[in-house]
Protein backbone atom coordinates (compact mmCIF):
# COMPACT_ATOMS: atom_id res chain seq x y z
CA UNK A 1 0.64 5.26 -23.62
CA UNK A 2 0.92 4.97 -27.40
CA UNK A 3 4.43 5.77 -28.69
CA UNK A 4 5.90 6.14 -25.22
CA UNK A 5 9.24 4.43 -24.71
CA UNK A 6 9.73 2.13 -21.75
CA UNK A 7 12.48 -0.15 -20.67
CA UNK A 8 12.01 -2.98 -18.25
CA UNK A 9 14.94 -4.56 -16.51
CA UNK A 10 13.92 -8.08 -15.59
CA UNK A 11 15.68 -11.06 -13.98
CA UNK A 12 15.73 -14.32 -15.90
CA UNK A 13 16.85 -16.06 -12.73
CA UNK A 14 15.74 -13.61 -10.08
CA UNK A 15 13.15 -13.88 -7.37
CA UNK A 16 9.94 -13.30 -9.30
CA UNK A 17 10.80 -13.37 -13.04
CA UNK A 18 7.46 -14.42 -14.54
CA UNK A 19 5.75 -11.84 -12.36
CA UNK A 20 7.17 -8.96 -14.38
CA UNK A 21 6.64 -10.64 -17.74
CA UNK A 22 2.96 -9.72 -17.35
CA UNK A 23 3.92 -6.10 -16.74
CA UNK A 24 5.94 -5.92 -19.95
CA UNK A 25 2.96 -7.25 -21.89
CA UNK A 26 0.65 -4.79 -20.13
CA UNK A 27 2.83 -1.86 -21.16
CA UNK A 28 2.92 -3.09 -24.76
CA UNK A 29 -0.85 -3.63 -24.76
CA UNK A 30 -1.22 -0.01 -23.64
CA UNK A 31 0.79 1.08 -26.68
CA UNK A 32 4.28 1.51 -25.27
CA UNK A 33 7.50 0.55 -27.03
CA UNK A 34 9.06 -1.76 -24.46
CA UNK A 35 12.75 -2.61 -24.30
CA UNK A 36 13.44 -5.64 -22.12
CA UNK A 37 16.93 -5.82 -20.64
CA UNK A 38 18.54 -8.86 -19.04
CA UNK A 39 21.91 -10.56 -18.63
CA UNK A 40 21.67 -13.38 -21.25
CA UNK A 41 22.73 -12.52 -24.79
CA UNK A 42 19.41 -13.85 -26.11
CA UNK A 43 15.94 -14.01 -24.51
CA UNK A 44 14.34 -17.29 -23.49
CA UNK A 45 11.51 -19.05 -25.32
CA UNK A 46 8.80 -17.56 -23.10
CA UNK A 47 9.90 -14.02 -23.89
CA UNK A 48 9.99 -14.82 -27.60
CA UNK A 49 6.41 -16.09 -27.45
CA UNK A 50 5.27 -12.85 -25.84
CA UNK A 51 7.11 -10.82 -28.47
CA UNK A 52 5.46 -12.82 -31.25
CA UNK A 53 2.05 -12.18 -29.70
CA UNK A 54 2.74 -8.45 -29.48
CA UNK A 55 4.00 -8.26 -33.06
CA UNK A 56 1.01 -10.16 -34.46
CA UNK A 57 -1.80 -8.76 -32.33
CA UNK A 58 -0.78 -5.32 -31.15
CA UNK A 59 1.22 -3.67 -33.92
CA UNK A 60 -1.52 -1.36 -35.15
CA UNK A 61 -5.20 -0.62 -35.58
CA UNK A 62 -7.27 0.13 -38.67
CA UNK A 63 -5.81 3.64 -38.74
CA UNK A 64 -2.24 2.41 -38.55
CA UNK A 65 -1.69 3.65 -35.00
CA UNK A 66 1.09 1.72 -33.29
CA UNK A 67 -0.20 -0.40 -30.42
CA UNK A 68 3.04 -1.60 -28.94
CA UNK A 69 6.38 -3.20 -29.61
CA UNK A 70 8.86 -5.29 -27.67
CA UNK A 71 12.63 -5.42 -28.11
CA UNK A 72 15.31 -7.33 -26.22
CA UNK A 73 18.81 -6.16 -25.30
CA UNK A 74 21.42 -7.82 -23.05
CA UNK A 75 22.90 -5.86 -20.17
CA UNK A 76 24.82 -6.12 -16.91
CA UNK A 77 23.27 -3.95 -14.22
CA UNK A 78 26.43 -3.99 -12.14
CA UNK A 79 28.21 -1.94 -14.83
CA UNK A 80 27.12 1.66 -14.31
CA UNK A 81 28.58 3.21 -17.45
CA UNK A 82 27.40 0.29 -19.53
CA UNK A 83 23.82 0.83 -18.37
CA UNK A 84 24.03 4.55 -19.02
CA UNK A 85 25.35 4.00 -22.55
CA UNK A 86 22.81 1.29 -23.37
CA UNK A 87 19.80 3.34 -22.32
CA UNK A 88 21.20 6.42 -24.04
CA UNK A 89 21.25 4.41 -27.26
CA UNK A 90 17.62 3.37 -26.77
CA UNK A 91 16.56 6.96 -26.17
CA UNK A 92 18.45 8.18 -29.23
CA UNK A 93 16.76 5.56 -31.39
CA UNK A 94 13.24 6.34 -30.15
CA UNK A 95 13.72 10.06 -29.52
CA UNK A 96 12.45 9.88 -25.95
CA UNK A 97 12.43 7.99 -22.66
CA UNK A 98 9.24 7.83 -20.62
CA UNK A 99 9.08 4.78 -18.37
CA UNK A 100 11.52 2.61 -16.45
CA UNK A 101 10.70 -0.52 -14.45
CA UNK A 102 13.76 -1.71 -12.49
CA UNK A 103 13.25 -5.16 -11.00
CA UNK A 104 16.66 -6.82 -11.02
CA UNK A 105 17.03 -8.96 -7.93
CA UNK A 106 18.39 -12.20 -6.54
CA UNK A 107 17.80 -14.05 -3.29
CA UNK A 108 20.00 -16.40 -1.30
CA UNK A 109 18.78 -17.62 2.06
CA UNK A 110 21.30 -18.35 4.80
CA UNK A 111 21.34 -18.14 8.59
CA UNK A 112 22.56 -14.67 9.40
CA UNK A 113 25.46 -15.72 11.65
CA UNK A 114 26.80 -17.91 8.86
CA UNK A 115 26.04 -15.65 5.89
CA UNK A 116 29.11 -15.42 3.59
CA UNK A 117 30.27 -11.84 3.16
CA UNK A 118 30.86 -12.27 -0.56
CA UNK A 119 27.31 -13.54 -1.10
CA UNK A 120 25.96 -10.58 0.85
CA UNK A 121 27.98 -8.19 -1.31
CA UNK A 122 26.67 -9.87 -4.47
CA UNK A 123 23.08 -9.29 -3.40
CA UNK A 124 23.86 -5.66 -2.59
CA UNK A 125 25.62 -5.21 -5.94
CA UNK A 126 22.68 -6.51 -7.96
CA UNK A 127 19.64 -5.65 -5.86
CA UNK A 128 20.73 -2.16 -4.82
CA UNK A 129 23.50 -0.92 -7.11
CA UNK A 130 21.91 -2.56 -10.15
CA UNK A 131 18.61 -0.83 -9.49
CA UNK A 132 20.42 2.47 -8.93
CA UNK A 133 22.33 2.17 -12.21
CA UNK A 134 19.10 1.36 -14.05
CA UNK A 135 17.16 4.25 -12.55
CA UNK A 136 20.05 6.63 -13.20
CA UNK A 137 20.22 5.54 -16.83
CA UNK A 138 16.52 6.25 -17.29
CA UNK A 139 16.46 9.51 -15.37
CA UNK A 140 19.39 10.93 -17.32
CA UNK A 141 17.54 10.40 -20.61
CA UNK A 142 14.21 11.65 -19.26
CA UNK A 143 15.97 14.86 -18.23
CA UNK A 144 17.79 15.12 -21.57
CA UNK A 145 14.62 14.76 -23.66
CA UNK A 146 12.40 16.72 -21.30
CA UNK A 147 9.82 13.97 -20.96
CA UNK A 148 7.71 13.74 -17.79
CA UNK A 149 9.04 10.34 -16.80
CA UNK A 150 7.99 7.58 -14.44
CA UNK A 151 10.59 5.38 -12.76
CA UNK A 152 9.27 2.31 -10.95
CA UNK A 153 11.56 0.41 -8.60
CA UNK A 154 10.54 -3.07 -7.52
CA UNK A 155 10.88 -3.47 -3.80
CA UNK A 156 9.17 -6.11 -1.70
CA UNK A 157 7.09 -6.37 1.42
CA UNK A 158 10.33 -7.90 2.72
CA UNK A 159 11.78 -4.39 2.69
CA UNK A 160 9.38 -3.42 5.47
CA UNK A 161 9.05 -6.67 7.43
CA UNK A 162 11.07 -9.73 8.37
CA UNK A 163 9.60 -12.81 6.68
CA UNK A 164 8.50 -15.35 9.25
CA UNK A 165 10.87 -18.35 9.49
CA UNK A 166 12.90 -17.20 6.47
CA UNK A 167 16.66 -16.58 6.62
CA UNK A 168 16.54 -13.64 4.24
CA UNK A 169 18.51 -10.91 6.02
CA UNK A 170 20.54 -9.93 2.94
CA UNK A 171 17.54 -9.84 0.61
CA UNK A 172 15.37 -7.94 3.10
CA UNK A 173 18.15 -5.42 3.63
CA UNK A 174 18.45 -4.84 -0.10
CA UNK A 175 14.73 -4.33 -0.60
CA UNK A 176 14.52 -1.88 2.29
CA UNK A 177 17.23 0.10 0.49
CA UNK A 178 15.27 0.04 -2.79
CA UNK A 179 12.16 1.44 -1.10
CA UNK A 180 14.16 4.25 0.48
CA UNK A 181 15.98 4.82 -2.81
CA UNK A 182 12.65 5.47 -4.52
CA UNK A 183 11.60 8.00 -1.87
CA UNK A 184 14.92 9.83 -2.02
CA UNK A 185 15.06 9.88 -5.83
CA UNK A 186 11.48 11.15 -5.96
CA UNK A 187 12.45 14.17 -3.87
CA UNK A 188 15.50 14.93 -6.01
CA UNK A 189 13.87 14.39 -9.39
CA UNK A 190 10.46 15.94 -8.74
CA UNK A 191 11.60 19.39 -9.95
CA UNK A 192 12.64 17.73 -13.22
CA UNK A 193 9.09 16.35 -13.65
CA UNK A 194 10.30 12.79 -13.10
CA UNK A 195 8.25 10.64 -10.75
CA UNK A 196 9.78 7.76 -8.79
CA UNK A 197 7.77 5.14 -6.91
CA UNK A 198 8.24 1.59 -5.70
CA UNK A 199 6.06 -1.51 -5.76
CA UNK A 200 6.32 -4.00 -2.90
CA UNK A 201 4.77 -7.38 -3.77
CA UNK A 202 4.04 -10.05 -1.22
CA UNK A 203 4.38 -13.76 -1.93
CA UNK A 204 3.59 -14.32 -5.61
CA UNK A 205 2.86 -17.68 -7.24
CA UNK A 206 5.43 -17.65 -10.02
CA UNK A 207 7.29 -20.55 -11.61
CA UNK A 208 10.25 -19.89 -9.33
CA UNK A 209 8.01 -19.83 -6.27
CA UNK A 210 6.52 -23.16 -7.29
CA UNK A 211 9.99 -24.64 -7.71
CA UNK A 212 11.03 -23.31 -4.30
CA UNK A 213 7.90 -24.71 -2.66
CA UNK A 214 8.62 -28.15 -4.08
CA UNK A 215 11.62 -28.29 -1.76
CA UNK A 216 9.60 -27.00 1.21
CA UNK A 217 5.94 -27.78 0.43
CA UNK A 218 4.79 -26.89 3.94
CA UNK A 219 5.52 -23.22 3.19
CA UNK A 220 2.63 -22.94 0.72
CA UNK A 221 0.03 -23.24 3.47
CA UNK A 222 2.12 -21.17 5.86
CA UNK A 223 2.59 -18.27 3.46
CA UNK A 224 -1.06 -18.35 2.41
CA UNK A 225 -2.18 -18.19 6.03
CA UNK A 226 -0.14 -15.06 6.65
CA UNK A 227 -2.48 -12.69 4.79
CA UNK A 228 -6.23 -12.01 5.12
CA UNK A 229 -6.98 -13.30 1.61
CA UNK A 230 -5.54 -16.69 2.51
CA UNK A 231 -3.59 -17.30 -0.70
CA UNK A 232 -0.56 -16.32 -2.75
CA UNK A 233 -0.84 -13.64 -5.40
CA UNK A 234 -1.15 -14.48 -9.09
CA UNK A 235 1.50 -12.84 -11.30
CA UNK A 236 -1.17 -11.03 -13.33
CA UNK A 237 -2.32 -9.25 -10.16
CA UNK A 238 0.76 -7.02 -10.39
CA UNK A 239 -0.18 -5.67 -13.83
CA UNK A 240 -2.62 -3.03 -12.71
CA UNK A 241 -0.40 -1.30 -10.20
CA UNK A 242 2.57 -1.20 -12.60
CA UNK A 243 0.40 0.21 -15.40
CA UNK A 244 -1.06 2.77 -12.99
CA UNK A 245 2.36 4.08 -11.99
CA UNK A 246 3.59 4.11 -15.60
CA UNK A 247 0.58 6.02 -16.93
CA UNK A 248 -0.91 9.48 -16.62
CA UNK A 249 -3.39 8.07 -14.10
CA UNK A 250 -0.71 8.62 -11.44
CA UNK A 251 0.73 12.01 -12.39
CA UNK A 252 0.56 13.28 -8.77
CA UNK A 253 1.96 10.09 -7.28
CA UNK A 254 5.65 10.12 -6.42
CA UNK A 255 7.73 8.92 -3.49
CA UNK A 256 5.16 6.24 -2.72
CA UNK A 257 5.58 2.54 -1.99
CA UNK A 258 2.58 0.61 -3.29
CA UNK A 259 2.25 -2.59 -1.29
CA UNK A 260 0.53 -5.47 -3.11
CA UNK A 261 0.63 -8.23 -0.52
CA UNK A 262 -2.95 -9.36 0.06
CA UNK A 263 -2.91 -7.63 3.43
CA UNK A 264 0.15 -9.50 4.73
CA UNK A 265 1.64 -6.39 6.34
CA UNK A 266 -1.73 -5.37 7.80
CA UNK A 267 -1.43 -8.17 10.36
């Protein structure tokens, strides 16, 4: 994927933030120029460490071929025109747009009969509209530059099931919409040579998951017991599927939802 331009929308405070950090590094390792977009004006220390690694280790080989680069830009996914303009600027700078990974998302659990309407709307605005704005921004530039693009929307197994004992109606609703968004966009954009797929992770052992489990430690065993592998996923186990969808290894794959849940939904 040398010289291909990718942008990865990632949540600094979303559901699985460290999960997608591995994907950004994987794209850079494969040679892509990766723009990381998030709400804060500046990236956190972890992102900076990854950027330093990329700049020192992956900038070129003995022939001077670029191996990858990472850039950071702030954004607000709820602002449609702002996202369009931002990604247009990236494409103009690099002369192309090839890959988009849209994984903005937040979660707030609440019993459904008590769920505040404003909180529900906030989840819809970020998890659905934010992903739409991001995918639109990418697709518009892929069409403009005539690149055979790959748009990857991050869903969740929660978009196809109801999580046992979890009060996640709003989140599950939003992820179901993302999965269907990917299918629908794939059908519309196929004639433009733009592929759209979704990835649906199961329970993943990220820093945020660990923090959540500290408040409800009994869930660790419960969640692990709900899939045939008997454990939570490691964040690095999402790298392969993201790289597959972003690369030419998946040129006939569009409209698919790739479930990476350790078999959770098989039971």
